[in-house]
Amino acid sequence: QCKVYTEQSWIDDWVMMAKRYEDHPEVIGYDIRNEVRPTSMMGPSPRWGNSSPVYDWSRAAGSCARALMDANAPGLVVVERIAWPQNSLREMLNPKPPWEAWQVPRDRIVLAVHMYAWSGPGAWSPKHFMPGVLRSFFDVVDYVGARSLYGEMSQEALEEQMDKDFGFCIDEDICPVWLSELGCSLDTELEWFTKVCQYLDKKDVDFAYWPLNVGPKPGGSDDEAYGILTNDWQPRWADPRLQALRRLCPQAVLPSPKKAQTRRPLQLPARARADSGSLSPFHLNVTPNVTPVASPSCFGQVDEPLWGAPF
């Protein structure tokens, strides 16, 4: 077994994967490292441009990007911002943009961010996961530092923060940005998710929802509250998260549920955009469909039809 996974092993593995799938057009890029972060609460922290090469995420990402280019890997190289603390992508563009620092083509680099209601700008540790005493302590720290989690922000404040975090790259045509993870549960986080979807629609931001899968979380017994499929891996048409995502993906084609074999695959219409003074496309203003569709779900009997779904 490999007890020590070296940086060179990581680079070699990416080159191997790129070569393996170079003839598969559906593989369009390589997200080279998920959520770069400290290994422990008190451990050393990665930095972008750190004076210590061991903890310099910019140096490591550049080495991997150059190795992939040298190997003629055809895909995009996706480089995520450091997960905690979550700083603006401006940090990754200084003192010079990464493609210039690494001497690789500008059009091959994509910068990526993750966003959840329980994360936030500059936050080292999400309060969402902490017990009462620690959460109270970090509430005070964030209050003193004037820092809010994304889920605590108003629509205006959230959009302003997303502009600062990554939207400016799109507005100023600096580089592609991918919101490579976002997701929410169906309780208090849903309002935040709707706010983010409105922003993604406005800016035409590319994104990936996390996760589709359902059932118990790895290493635990609780079901994955963020999953948007049923236990038999069918779309939960009434799920407001799926409805919002459908409005962001007007060209997607989804299969109809197993219970409705006689129906044709779902052909999504062009994205509905709200006219001035009308409802946002993320307000559910639809009419009933006469044929309901239901299937088993770990969330109970919530798999009602998406009213008005164009089956």
C-alpha atoms as a PDB file:
ATOM      1  CA  GLN A   1       0.000   0.000   0.000  1.00  0.00           C
ATOM      2  CA  CYS A   2       1.082   3.559  -0.653  1.00  0.00           C
ATOM      3  CA  LYS A   3       1.647   5.150   2.746  1.00  0.00           C
ATOM      4  CA  VAL A   4       2.976   8.401   1.298  1.00  0.00           C
ATOM      5  CA  TYR A   5       1.285   9.892  -1.761  1.00  0.00           C
ATOM      6  CA  THR A   6       3.799  12.328  -3.209  1.00  0.00           C
ATOM      7  CA  GLU A   7       3.206  15.353  -5.386  1.00  0.00           C
ATOM      8  CA  GLN A   8       4.964  13.609  -8.258  1.00  0.00           C
ATOM      9  CA  SER A   9       2.677  10.577  -7.876  1.00  0.00           C
ATOM     10  CA  TRP A  10      -0.320  12.911  -8.056  1.00  0.00           C
ATOM     11  CA  ILE A  11       1.012  14.539 -11.254  1.00  0.00           C
ATOM     12  CA  ASP A  12       1.900  11.187 -12.834  1.00  0.00           C
ATOM     13  CA  ASP A  13      -1.591   9.878 -12.102  1.00  0.00           C
ATOM     14  CA  TRP A  14      -3.198  12.872 -13.790  1.00  0.00           C
ATOM     15  CA  VAL A  15      -1.048  12.425 -16.886  1.00  0.00           C
ATOM     16  CA  MET A  16      -1.998   8.742 -16.947  1.00  0.00           C
ATOM     17  CA  MET A  17      -5.717   9.554 -16.622  1.00  0.00           C
ATOM     18  CA  ALA A  18      -5.525  12.215 -19.330  1.00  0.00           C
ATOM     19  CA  LYS A  19      -3.886   9.781 -21.745  1.00  0.00           C
ATOM     20  CA  ARG A  20      -6.362   7.036 -20.911  1.00  0.00           C
ATOM     21  CA  TYR A  21      -9.344   9.215 -21.806  1.00  0.00           C
ATOM     22  CA  GLU A  22      -7.842  11.392 -24.532  1.00  0.00           C
ATOM     23  CA  ASP A  23     -10.024   9.734 -27.195  1.00  0.00           C
ATOM     24  CA  HIS A  24     -13.234  10.182 -25.194  1.00  0.00           C
ATOM     25  CA  PRO A  25     -14.791  13.501 -26.272  1.00  0.00           C
ATOM     26  CA  GLU A  26     -17.112  13.512 -23.250  1.00  0.00           C
ATOM     27  CA  VAL A  27     -14.074  14.005 -20.991  1.00  0.00           C
ATOM     28  CA  ILE A  28     -13.420  17.704 -21.407  1.00  0.00           C
ATOM     29  CA  GLY A  29     -11.186  18.544 -18.475  1.00  0.00           C
ATOM     30  CA  TYR A  30      -9.419  17.681 -15.252  1.00  0.00           C
ATOM     31  CA  ASP A  31     -10.350  19.112 -11.849  1.00  0.00           C
ATOM     32  CA  ILE A  32      -6.881  18.474 -10.478  1.00  0.00           C
ATOM     33  CA  ARG A  33      -7.542  18.750  -6.727  1.00  0.00           C
ATOM     34  CA  ASN A  34     -10.770  18.860  -4.763  1.00  0.00           C
ATOM     35  CA  GLU A  35     -11.078  21.370  -1.923  1.00  0.00           C
ATOM     36  CA  VAL A  36      -7.513  22.236  -1.006  1.00  0.00           C
ATOM     37  CA  ARG A  37      -7.580  22.918   2.740  1.00  0.00           C
ATOM     38  CA  PRO A  38      -5.693  22.465   6.021  1.00  0.00           C
ATOM     39  CA  THR A  39      -5.269  18.830   7.043  1.00  0.00           C
ATOM     40  CA  SER A  40      -6.425  19.664  10.586  1.00  0.00           C
ATOM     41  CA  MET A  41      -7.755  22.580  12.611  1.00  0.00           C
ATOM     42  CA  MET A  42      -4.294  23.312  14.005  1.00  0.00           C
ATOM     43  CA  GLY A  43      -2.241  22.044  11.064  1.00  0.00           C
ATOM     44  CA  PRO A  44      -0.320  24.052   8.459  1.00  0.00           C
ATOM     45  CA  SER A  45      -2.448  25.855   5.912  1.00  0.00           C
ATOM     46  CA  PRO A  46      -2.084  25.866   2.142  1.00  0.00           C
ATOM     47  CA  ARG A  47      -1.718  29.272   0.534  1.00  0.00           C
ATOM     48  CA  TRP A  48      -1.719  30.669  -2.986  1.00  0.00           C
ATOM     49  CA  GLY A  49       1.839  31.835  -3.515  1.00  0.00           C
ATOM     50  CA  ASN A  50       3.071  30.735  -0.085  1.00  0.00           C
ATOM     51  CA  SER A  51       6.754  31.353   0.564  1.00  0.00           C
ATOM     52  CA  SER A  52       6.993  27.712   1.661  1.00  0.00           C
ATOM     53  CA  PRO A  53       6.890  25.550  -1.496  1.00  0.00           C
ATOM     54  CA  VAL A  54       5.408  22.627   0.452  1.00  0.00           C
ATOM     55  CA  TYR A  55       2.195  24.587   1.129  1.00  0.00           C
ATOM     56  CA  ASP A  56       2.057  26.648  -2.076  1.00  0.00           C
ATOM     57  CA  TRP A  57      -1.042  25.563  -4.002  1.00  0.00           C
ATOM     58  CA  SER A  58      -0.127  27.850  -6.926  1.00  0.00           C
ATOM     59  CA  ARG A  59       3.228  26.135  -7.400  1.00  0.00           C
ATOM     60  CA  ALA A  60       1.759  22.619  -7.174  1.00  0.00           C
ATOM     61  CA  ALA A  61      -1.158  23.405  -9.512  1.00  0.00           C
ATOM     62  CA  GLY A  62       1.224  24.962 -12.026  1.00  0.00           C
ATOM     63  CA  SER A  63       3.456  21.878 -11.996  1.00  0.00           C
ATOM     64  CA  CYS A  64       0.474  19.663 -12.722  1.00  0.00           C
ATOM     65  CA  ALA A  65      -0.888  21.969 -15.440  1.00  0.00           C
ATOM     66  CA  ARG A  66       2.475  22.114 -17.223  1.00  0.00           C
ATOM     67  CA  ALA A  67       2.846  18.315 -17.032  1.00  0.00           C
ATOM     68  CA  LEU A  68      -0.577  17.870 -18.634  1.00  0.00           C
ATOM     69  CA  MET A  69       0.289  20.349 -21.399  1.00  0.00           C
ATOM     70  CA  ASP A  70       3.643  18.666 -22.007  1.00  0.00           C
ATOM     71  CA  ALA A  71       1.802  15.353 -22.358  1.00  0.00           C
ATOM     72  CA  ASN A  72      -0.524  16.919 -24.978  1.00  0.00           C
ATOM     73  CA  ALA A  73      -3.565  16.312 -22.780  1.00  0.00           C
ATOM     74  CA  PRO A  74      -6.489  17.836 -24.699  1.00  0.00           C
ATOM     75  CA  GLY A  75      -8.741  18.875 -21.803  1.00  0.00           C
ATOM     76  CA  LEU A  76      -9.200  21.981 -19.717  1.00  0.00           C
ATOM     77  CA  VAL A  77      -7.307  22.217 -16.438  1.00  0.00           C
ATOM     78  CA  VAL A  78      -9.648  23.152 -13.582  1.00  0.00           C
ATOM     79  CA  VAL A  79      -7.961  24.756 -10.577  1.00  0.00           C
ATOM     80  CA  GLU A  80     -10.037  25.312  -7.456  1.00  0.00           C
ATOM     81  CA  ARG A  81      -9.557  28.100  -4.995  1.00  0.00           C
ATOM     82  CA  ILE A  82      -8.457  27.063  -1.523  1.00  0.00           C
ATOM     83  CA  ALA A  83     -11.539  25.824   0.318  1.00  0.00           C
ATOM     84  CA  TRP A  84     -10.806  27.287   3.750  1.00  0.00           C
ATOM     85  CA  PRO A  85     -10.309  30.180   4.019  1.00  0.00           C
ATOM     86  CA  GLN A  86     -12.456  31.029   0.987  1.00  0.00           C
ATOM     87  CA  ASN A  87     -10.957  34.116  -0.596  1.00  0.00           C
ATOM     88  CA  SER A  88     -11.744  35.958  -3.791  1.00  0.00           C
ATOM     89  CA  LEU A  89     -10.311  34.636  -7.049  1.00  0.00           C
ATOM     90  CA  ARG A  90      -8.377  37.904  -7.213  1.00  0.00           C
ATOM     91  CA  GLU A  91      -5.932  36.186  -4.889  1.00  0.00           C
ATOM     92  CA  MET A  92      -5.254  33.639  -7.644  1.00  0.00           C
ATOM     93  CA  LEU A  93      -4.659  36.385 -10.220  1.00  0.00           C
ATOM     94  CA  ASN A  94      -1.934  38.190  -8.262  1.00  0.00           C
ATOM     95  CA  PRO A  95       0.833  39.079  -8.718  1.00  0.00           C
ATOM     96  CA  LYS A  96       0.111  37.708 -12.202  1.00  0.00           C
ATOM     97  CA  PRO A  97      -2.571  35.396 -13.661  1.00  0.00           C
ATOM     98  CA  PRO A  98      -1.755  31.692 -13.281  1.00  0.00           C
ATOM     99  CA  TRP A  99      -1.518  31.012 -17.014  1.00  0.00           C
ATOM    100  CA  GLU A 100       1.195  33.652 -17.251  1.00  0.00           C
ATOM    101  CA  ALA A 101       2.993  32.443 -14.138  1.00  0.00           C
ATOM    102  CA  TRP A 102       2.857  28.846 -15.360  1.00  0.00           C
ATOM    103  CA  GLN A 103       3.500  29.698 -19.024  1.00  0.00           C
ATOM    104  CA  VAL A 104       0.514  27.733 -20.294  1.00  0.00           C
ATOM    105  CA  PRO A 105      -2.239  28.804 -22.741  1.00  0.00           C
ATOM    106  CA  ARG A 106      -4.808  31.130 -21.184  1.00  0.00           C
ATOM    107  CA  ASP A 107      -7.701  29.281 -22.798  1.00  0.00           C
ATOM    108  CA  ARG A 108      -6.811  26.009 -21.078  1.00  0.00           C
ATOM    109  CA  ILE A 109      -7.225  27.186 -17.478  1.00  0.00           C
ATOM    110  CA  VAL A 110     -10.547  27.289 -15.611  1.00  0.00           C
ATOM    111  CA  LEU A 111     -10.793  28.628 -12.060  1.00  0.00           C
ATOM    112  CA  ALA A 112     -13.333  26.933  -9.811  1.00  0.00           C
ATOM    113  CA  VAL A 113     -15.132  27.644  -6.548  1.00  0.00           C
ATOM    114  CA  HIS A 114     -17.403  25.727  -4.159  1.00  0.00           C
ATOM    115  CA  MET A 115     -20.313  27.375  -2.359  1.00  0.00           C
ATOM    116  CA  TYR A 116     -22.688  26.175   0.337  1.00  0.00           C
ATOM    117  CA  ALA A 117     -25.003  27.982   2.724  1.00  0.00           C
ATOM    118  CA  TRP A 118     -22.750  26.971   5.608  1.00  0.00           C
ATOM    119  CA  SER A 119     -19.539  28.311   4.036  1.00  0.00           C
ATOM    120  CA  GLY A 120     -18.530  31.882   3.594  1.00  0.00           C
ATOM    121  CA  PRO A 121     -15.873  34.418   2.626  1.00  0.00           C
ATOM    122  CA  GLY A 122     -12.734  34.078   4.683  1.00  0.00           C
ATOM    123  CA  ALA A 123     -14.258  31.536   7.086  1.00  0.00           C
ATOM    124  CA  TRP A 124     -11.727  29.017   8.322  1.00  0.00           C
ATOM    125  CA  SER A 125     -14.222  26.558   9.819  1.00  0.00           C
ATOM    126  CA  PRO A 126     -17.911  26.322   8.902  1.00  0.00           C
ATOM    127  CA  LYS A 127     -19.996  27.101  11.986  1.00  0.00           C
ATOM    128  CA  HIS A 128     -22.707  24.856  10.581  1.00  0.00           C
ATOM    129  CA  PHE A 129     -20.901  21.696  11.729  1.00  0.00           C
ATOM    130  CA  MET A 130     -19.825  22.854  15.189  1.00  0.00           C
ATOM    131  CA  PRO A 131     -21.367  22.047  18.581  1.00  0.00           C
ATOM    132  CA  GLY A 132     -23.058  24.776  20.591  1.00  0.00           C
ATOM    133  CA  VAL A 133     -20.129  26.256  22.514  1.00  0.00           C
ATOM    134  CA  LEU A 134     -17.757  26.313  19.545  1.00  0.00           C
ATOM    135  CA  ARG A 135     -20.450  27.648  17.244  1.00  0.00           C
ATOM    136  CA  SER A 136     -21.158  30.465  19.683  1.00  0.00           C
ATOM    137  CA  PHE A 137     -17.451  31.262  19.784  1.00  0.00           C
ATOM    138  CA  PHE A 138     -17.161  31.442  15.983  1.00  0.00           C
ATOM    139  CA  ASP A 139     -20.378  33.466  15.813  1.00  0.00           C
ATOM    140  CA  VAL A 140     -18.601  36.077  17.928  1.00  0.00           C
ATOM    141  CA  VAL A 141     -15.421  35.833  15.824  1.00  0.00           C
ATOM    142  CA  ASP A 142     -17.378  36.330  12.610  1.00  0.00           C
ATOM    143  CA  TYR A 143     -19.399  39.176  14.122  1.00  0.00           C
ATOM    144  CA  VAL A 144     -16.252  41.003  15.214  1.00  0.00           C
ATOM    145  CA  GLY A 145     -14.670  40.366  11.819  1.00  0.00           C
ATOM    146  CA  ALA A 146     -17.860  41.439   9.999  1.00  0.00           C
ATOM    147  CA  ARG A 147     -17.981  38.082   8.201  1.00  0.00           C
ATOM    148  CA  SER A 148     -21.198  36.282   7.323  1.00  0.00           C
ATOM    149  CA  LEU A 149     -21.769  32.844   5.897  1.00  0.00           C
ATOM    150  CA  TYR A 150     -23.321  32.754   2.426  1.00  0.00           C
ATOM    151  CA  GLY A 151     -26.563  31.395   3.874  1.00  0.00           C
ATOM    152  CA  GLU A 152     -26.866  34.382   6.227  1.00  0.00           C
ATOM    153  CA  MET A 153     -26.754  36.999   3.463  1.00  0.00           C
ATOM    154  CA  SER A 154     -29.602  38.855   1.816  1.00  0.00           C
ATOM    155  CA  GLN A 155     -30.032  38.569  -1.952  1.00  0.00           C
ATOM    156  CA  GLU A 156     -28.278  41.889  -2.497  1.00  0.00           C
ATOM    157  CA  ALA A 157     -25.392  41.089  -0.143  1.00  0.00           C
ATOM    158  CA  LEU A 158     -24.986  37.580  -1.566  1.00  0.00           C
ATOM    159  CA  GLU A 159     -24.805  38.806  -5.168  1.00  0.00           C
ATOM    160  CA  GLU A 160     -22.338  41.507  -4.164  1.00  0.00           C
ATOM    161  CA  GLN A 161     -20.187  38.876  -2.454  1.00  0.00           C
ATOM    162  CA  MET A 162     -20.343  36.502  -5.432  1.00  0.00           C
ATOM    163  CA  ASP A 163     -19.275  39.372  -7.681  1.00  0.00           C
ATOM    164  CA  LYS A 164     -16.275  39.898  -5.398  1.00  0.00           C
ATOM    165  CA  ASP A 165     -15.529  36.177  -5.153  1.00  0.00           C
ATOM    166  CA  PHE A 166     -15.722  35.162  -8.809  1.00  0.00           C
ATOM    167  CA  GLY A 167     -18.303  37.108 -10.828  1.00  0.00           C
ATOM    168  CA  PHE A 168     -15.790  39.792 -11.742  1.00  0.00           C
ATOM    169  CA  CYS A 169     -13.864  37.204 -13.797  1.00  0.00           C
ATOM    170  CA  ILE A 170     -16.927  36.755 -15.981  1.00  0.00           C
ATOM    171  CA  ASP A 171     -17.863  40.433 -16.119  1.00  0.00           C
ATOM    172  CA  GLU A 172     -14.318  41.468 -17.057  1.00  0.00           C
ATOM    173  CA  ASP A 173     -13.709  38.479 -19.363  1.00  0.00           C
ATOM    174  CA  ILE A 174     -10.623  37.482 -17.397  1.00  0.00           C
ATOM    175  CA  CYS A 175     -11.051  33.705 -17.491  1.00  0.00           C
ATOM    176  CA  PRO A 176     -13.699  30.966 -17.353  1.00  0.00           C
ATOM    177  CA  VAL A 177     -15.147  30.229 -13.915  1.00  0.00           C
ATOM    178  CA  TRP A 178     -16.900  27.036 -12.860  1.00  0.00           C
ATOM    179  CA  LEU A 179     -19.016  26.810  -9.715  1.00  0.00           C
ATOM    180  CA  SER A 180     -17.997  23.191  -9.388  1.00  0.00           C
ATOM    181  CA  GLU A 181     -20.010  22.426  -6.246  1.00  0.00           C
ATOM    182  CA  LEU A 182     -23.209  23.769  -4.788  1.00  0.00           C
ATOM    183  CA  GLY A 183     -26.102  22.006  -3.132  1.00  0.00           C
ATOM    184  CA  CYS A 184     -28.609  22.287  -0.334  1.00  0.00           C
ATOM    185  CA  SER A 185     -31.060  20.419   1.841  1.00  0.00           C
ATOM    186  CA  LEU A 186     -34.797  20.955   1.695  1.00  0.00           C
ATOM    187  CA  ASP A 187     -35.031  22.810   4.993  1.00  0.00           C
ATOM    188  CA  THR A 188     -33.510  26.165   5.858  1.00  0.00           C
ATOM    189  CA  GLU A 189     -30.981  26.158   2.988  1.00  0.00           C
ATOM    190  CA  LEU A 190     -33.499  26.192   0.162  1.00  0.00           C
ATOM    191  CA  GLU A 191     -33.998  29.958   0.245  1.00  0.00           C
ATOM    192  CA  TRP A 192     -30.249  30.465  -0.106  1.00  0.00           C
ATOM    193  CA  PHE A 193     -30.118  27.983  -3.014  1.00  0.00           C
ATOM    194  CA  THR A 194     -32.824  29.918  -4.856  1.00  0.00           C
ATOM    195  CA  LYS A 195     -30.871  33.150  -4.412  1.00  0.00           C
ATOM    196  CA  VAL A 196     -27.752  31.553  -5.882  1.00  0.00           C
ATOM    197  CA  CYS A 197     -29.705  30.150  -8.837  1.00  0.00           C
ATOM    198  CA  GLN A 198     -31.018  33.621  -9.626  1.00  0.00           C
ATOM    199  CA  TYR A 199     -27.442  34.875  -9.746  1.00  0.00           C
ATOM    200  CA  LEU A 200     -26.281  31.952 -11.915  1.00  0.00           C
ATOM    201  CA  ASP A 201     -29.125  32.644 -14.316  1.00  0.00           C
ATOM    202  CA  LYS A 202     -28.278  36.348 -14.486  1.00  0.00           C
ATOM    203  CA  LYS A 203     -24.566  35.746 -15.125  1.00  0.00           C
ATOM    204  CA  ASP A 204     -24.937  32.504 -17.138  1.00  0.00           C
ATOM    205  CA  VAL A 205     -22.470  30.759 -14.817  1.00  0.00           C
ATOM    206  CA  ASP A 206     -21.555  27.110 -15.402  1.00  0.00           C
ATOM    207  CA  PHE A 207     -22.039  24.898 -12.356  1.00  0.00           C
ATOM    208  CA  ALA A 208     -22.199  21.356 -10.974  1.00  0.00           C
ATOM    209  CA  TYR A 209     -24.733  20.261  -8.349  1.00  0.00           C
ATOM    210  CA  TRP A 210     -23.489  18.126  -5.456  1.00  0.00           C
ATOM    211  CA  PRO A 211     -24.620  15.400  -5.209  1.00  0.00           C
ATOM    212  CA  LEU A 212     -27.130  13.576  -7.380  1.00  0.00           C
ATOM    213  CA  ASN A 213     -26.836  10.359  -5.386  1.00  0.00           C
ATOM    214  CA  VAL A 214     -29.070   9.346  -2.489  1.00  0.00           C
ATOM    215  CA  GLY A 215     -28.931   6.832   0.351  1.00  0.00           C
ATOM    216  CA  PRO A 216     -26.546   6.712   3.326  1.00  0.00           C
ATOM    217  CA  LYS A 217     -23.502   8.967   3.323  1.00  0.00           C
ATOM    218  CA  PRO A 218     -20.148   7.157   3.111  1.00  0.00           C
ATOM    219  CA  GLY A 219     -19.048   6.055   6.551  1.00  0.00           C
ATOM    220  CA  GLY A 220     -22.395   6.926   8.126  1.00  0.00           C
ATOM    221  CA  SER A 221     -25.999   5.853   8.439  1.00  0.00           C
ATOM    222  CA  ASP A 222     -27.781   9.112   7.646  1.00  0.00           C
ATOM    223  CA  ASP A 223     -29.210   9.646   4.184  1.00  0.00           C
ATOM    224  CA  GLU A 224     -27.608  12.251   1.939  1.00  0.00           C
ATOM    225  CA  ALA A 225     -29.908  15.228   2.465  1.00  0.00           C
ATOM    226  CA  TYR A 226     -28.562  17.067  -0.590  1.00  0.00           C
ATOM    227  CA  GLY A 227     -29.356  14.256  -3.072  1.00  0.00           C
ATOM    228  CA  ILE A 228     -32.039  14.993  -5.667  1.00  0.00           C
ATOM    229  CA  LEU A 229     -32.763  11.488  -6.977  1.00  0.00           C
ATOM    230  CA  THR A 230     -34.970   8.761  -5.537  1.00  0.00           C
ATOM    231  CA  ASN A 231     -33.525   5.584  -4.040  1.00  0.00           C
ATOM    232  CA  ASP A 232     -33.953   3.904  -7.445  1.00  0.00           C
ATOM    233  CA  TRP A 233     -32.053   6.779  -9.123  1.00  0.00           C
ATOM    234  CA  GLN A 234     -35.017   8.470 -10.762  1.00  0.00           C
ATOM    235  CA  PRO A 235     -35.604  12.244 -10.895  1.00  0.00           C
ATOM    236  CA  ARG A 236     -37.748  13.645  -8.100  1.00  0.00           C
ATOM    237  CA  TRP A 237     -39.801  15.915 -10.340  1.00  0.00           C
ATOM    238  CA  ALA A 238     -41.442  17.911  -7.533  1.00  0.00           C
ATOM    239  CA  ASP A 239     -38.146  18.686  -5.832  1.00  0.00           C
ATOM    240  CA  PRO A 240     -37.751  22.500  -5.935  1.00  0.00           C
ATOM    241  CA  ARG A 241     -33.978  22.093  -6.301  1.00  0.00           C
ATOM    242  CA  LEU A 242     -34.445  20.062  -9.479  1.00  0.00           C
ATOM    243  CA  GLN A 243     -36.965  22.587 -10.759  1.00  0.00           C
ATOM    244  CA  ALA A 244     -34.459  25.402 -10.251  1.00  0.00           C
ATOM    245  CA  LEU A 245     -31.668  23.441 -11.958  1.00  0.00           C
ATOM    246  CA  ARG A 246     -33.907  22.671 -14.928  1.00  0.00           C
ATOM    247  CA  ARG A 247     -34.411  26.386 -15.457  1.00  0.00           C
ATOM    248  CA  LEU A 248     -30.645  26.783 -15.621  1.00  0.00           C
ATOM    249  CA  CYS A 249     -30.226  23.950 -18.165  1.00  0.00           C
ATOM    250  CA  PRO A 250     -32.686  24.683 -20.966  1.00  0.00           C
ATOM    251  CA  GLN A 251     -31.059  22.298 -23.447  1.00  0.00           C
ATOM    252  CA  ALA A 252     -30.897  19.253 -21.162  1.00  0.00           C
ATOM    253  CA  VAL A 253     -32.784  16.099 -22.090  1.00  0.00           C
ATOM    254  CA  LEU A 254     -33.813  13.857 -19.189  1.00  0.00           C
ATOM    255  CA  PRO A 255     -35.374  10.381 -19.403  1.00  0.00           C
ATOM    256  CA  SER A 256     -38.937   9.997 -18.220  1.00  0.00           C
ATOM    257  CA  PRO A 257     -39.486   8.045 -14.965  1.00  0.00           C
ATOM    258  CA  LYS A 258     -39.781   4.239 -15.059  1.00  0.00           C
ATOM    259  CA  LYS A 259     -43.418   4.503 -14.023  1.00  0.00           C
ATOM    260  CA  ALA A 260     -44.189   6.393 -17.211  1.00  0.00           C
ATOM    261  CA  GLN A 261     -42.717   4.239 -19.970  1.00  0.00           C
ATOM    262  CA  THR A 262     -45.283   5.454 -22.489  1.00  0.00           C
ATOM    263  CA  ARG A 263     -44.142   9.027 -22.191  1.00  0.00           C
ATOM    264  CA  ARG A 264     -41.485  10.541 -24.364  1.00  0.00           C
ATOM    265  CA  PRO A 265     -38.228  11.861 -22.830  1.00  0.00           C
ATOM    266  CA  LEU A 266     -38.513  15.273 -21.279  1.00  0.00           C
ATOM    267  CA  GLN A 267     -37.598  18.003 -23.748  1.00  0.00           C
ATOM    268  CA  LEU A 268     -36.901  21.138 -21.755  1.00  0.00           C
ATOM    269  CA  PRO A 269     -38.121  24.416 -23.217  1.00  0.00           C
ATOM    270  CA  ALA A 270     -36.007  27.504 -23.640  1.00  0.00           C
ATOM    271  CA  ARG A 271     -35.180  29.147 -20.314  1.00  0.00           C
ATOM    272  CA  ALA A 272     -37.950  31.424 -19.187  1.00  0.00           C
ATOM    273  CA  ARG A 273     -36.639  34.834 -18.278  1.00  0.00           C
ATOM    274  CA  ALA A 274     -38.717  37.243 -16.270  1.00  0.00           C
ATOM    275  CA  ASP A 275     -39.765  40.461 -17.931  1.00  0.00           C
ATOM    276  CA  SER A 276     -39.488  43.679 -15.978  1.00  0.00           C
ATOM    277  CA  GLY A 277     -42.067  43.658 -13.211  1.00  0.00           C
ATOM    278  CA  SER A 278     -42.990  39.977 -13.634  1.00  0.00           C
ATOM    279  CA  LEU A 279     -42.177  37.026 -11.424  1.00  0.00           C
ATOM    280  CA  SER A 280     -38.656  35.629 -11.307  1.00  0.00           C
ATOM    281  CA  PRO A 281     -38.303  32.365 -13.274  1.00  0.00           C
ATOM    282  CA  PHE A 282     -37.474  30.754  -9.925  1.00  0.00           C
ATOM    283  CA  HIS A 283     -40.928  31.444  -8.510  1.00  0.00           C
ATOM    284  CA  LEU A 284     -42.956  28.291  -9.139  1.00  0.00           C
ATOM    285  CA  ASN A 285     -45.868  29.549 -11.193  1.00  0.00           C
ATOM    286  CA  VAL A 286     -47.138  26.438 -12.979  1.00  0.00           C
ATOM    287  CA  THR A 287     -50.344  24.572 -13.722  1.00  0.00           C
ATOM    288  CA  PRO A 288     -51.325  21.035 -12.649  1.00  0.00           C
ATOM    289  CA  ASN A 289     -50.572  17.997 -14.766  1.00  0.00           C
ATOM    290  CA  VAL A 290     -53.356  15.424 -14.729  1.00  0.00           C
ATOM    291  CA  THR A 291     -51.083  12.367 -14.497  1.00  0.00           C
ATOM    292  CA  PRO A 292     -48.980  12.163 -11.314  1.00  0.00           C
ATOM    293  CA  VAL A 293     -45.778  10.163 -11.162  1.00  0.00           C
ATOM    294  CA  ALA A 294     -44.412   8.717  -7.922  1.00  0.00           C
ATOM    295  CA  SER A 295     -41.534   6.421  -7.023  1.00  0.00           C
ATOM    296  CA  PRO A 296     -39.815   5.280  -3.805  1.00  0.00           C
ATOM    297  CA  SER A 297     -37.706   7.825  -2.002  1.00  0.00           C
ATOM    298  CA  CYS A 298     -35.726   8.091   1.200  1.00  0.00           C
ATOM    299  CA  PHE A 299     -37.498  11.422   1.683  1.00  0.00           C
ATOM    300  CA  GLY A 300     -40.936   9.804   1.938  1.00  0.00           C
ATOM    301  CA  GLN A 301     -43.838  10.477  -0.377  1.00  0.00           C
ATOM    302  CA  VAL A 302     -42.457  13.636  -1.910  1.00  0.00           C
ATOM    303  CA  ASP A 303     -42.140  12.432  -5.484  1.00  0.00           C
ATOM    304  CA  GLU A 304     -45.174  14.245  -6.775  1.00  0.00           C
ATOM    305  CA  PRO A 305     -45.162  15.221 -10.445  1.00  0.00           C
ATOM    306  CA  LEU A 306     -43.592  18.485 -11.477  1.00  0.00           C
ATOM    307  CA  TRP A 307     -46.825  20.288 -12.282  1.00  0.00           C
ATOM    308  CA  GLY A 308     -46.762  21.410 -15.853  1.00  0.00           C
ATOM    309  CA  ALA A 309     -43.788  19.189 -16.768  1.00  0.00           C
ATOM    310  CA  PRO A 310     -43.860  18.849 -20.602  1.00  0.00           C
ATOM    311  CA  PHE A 311     -43.847  15.033 -20.841  1.00  0.00           C
END
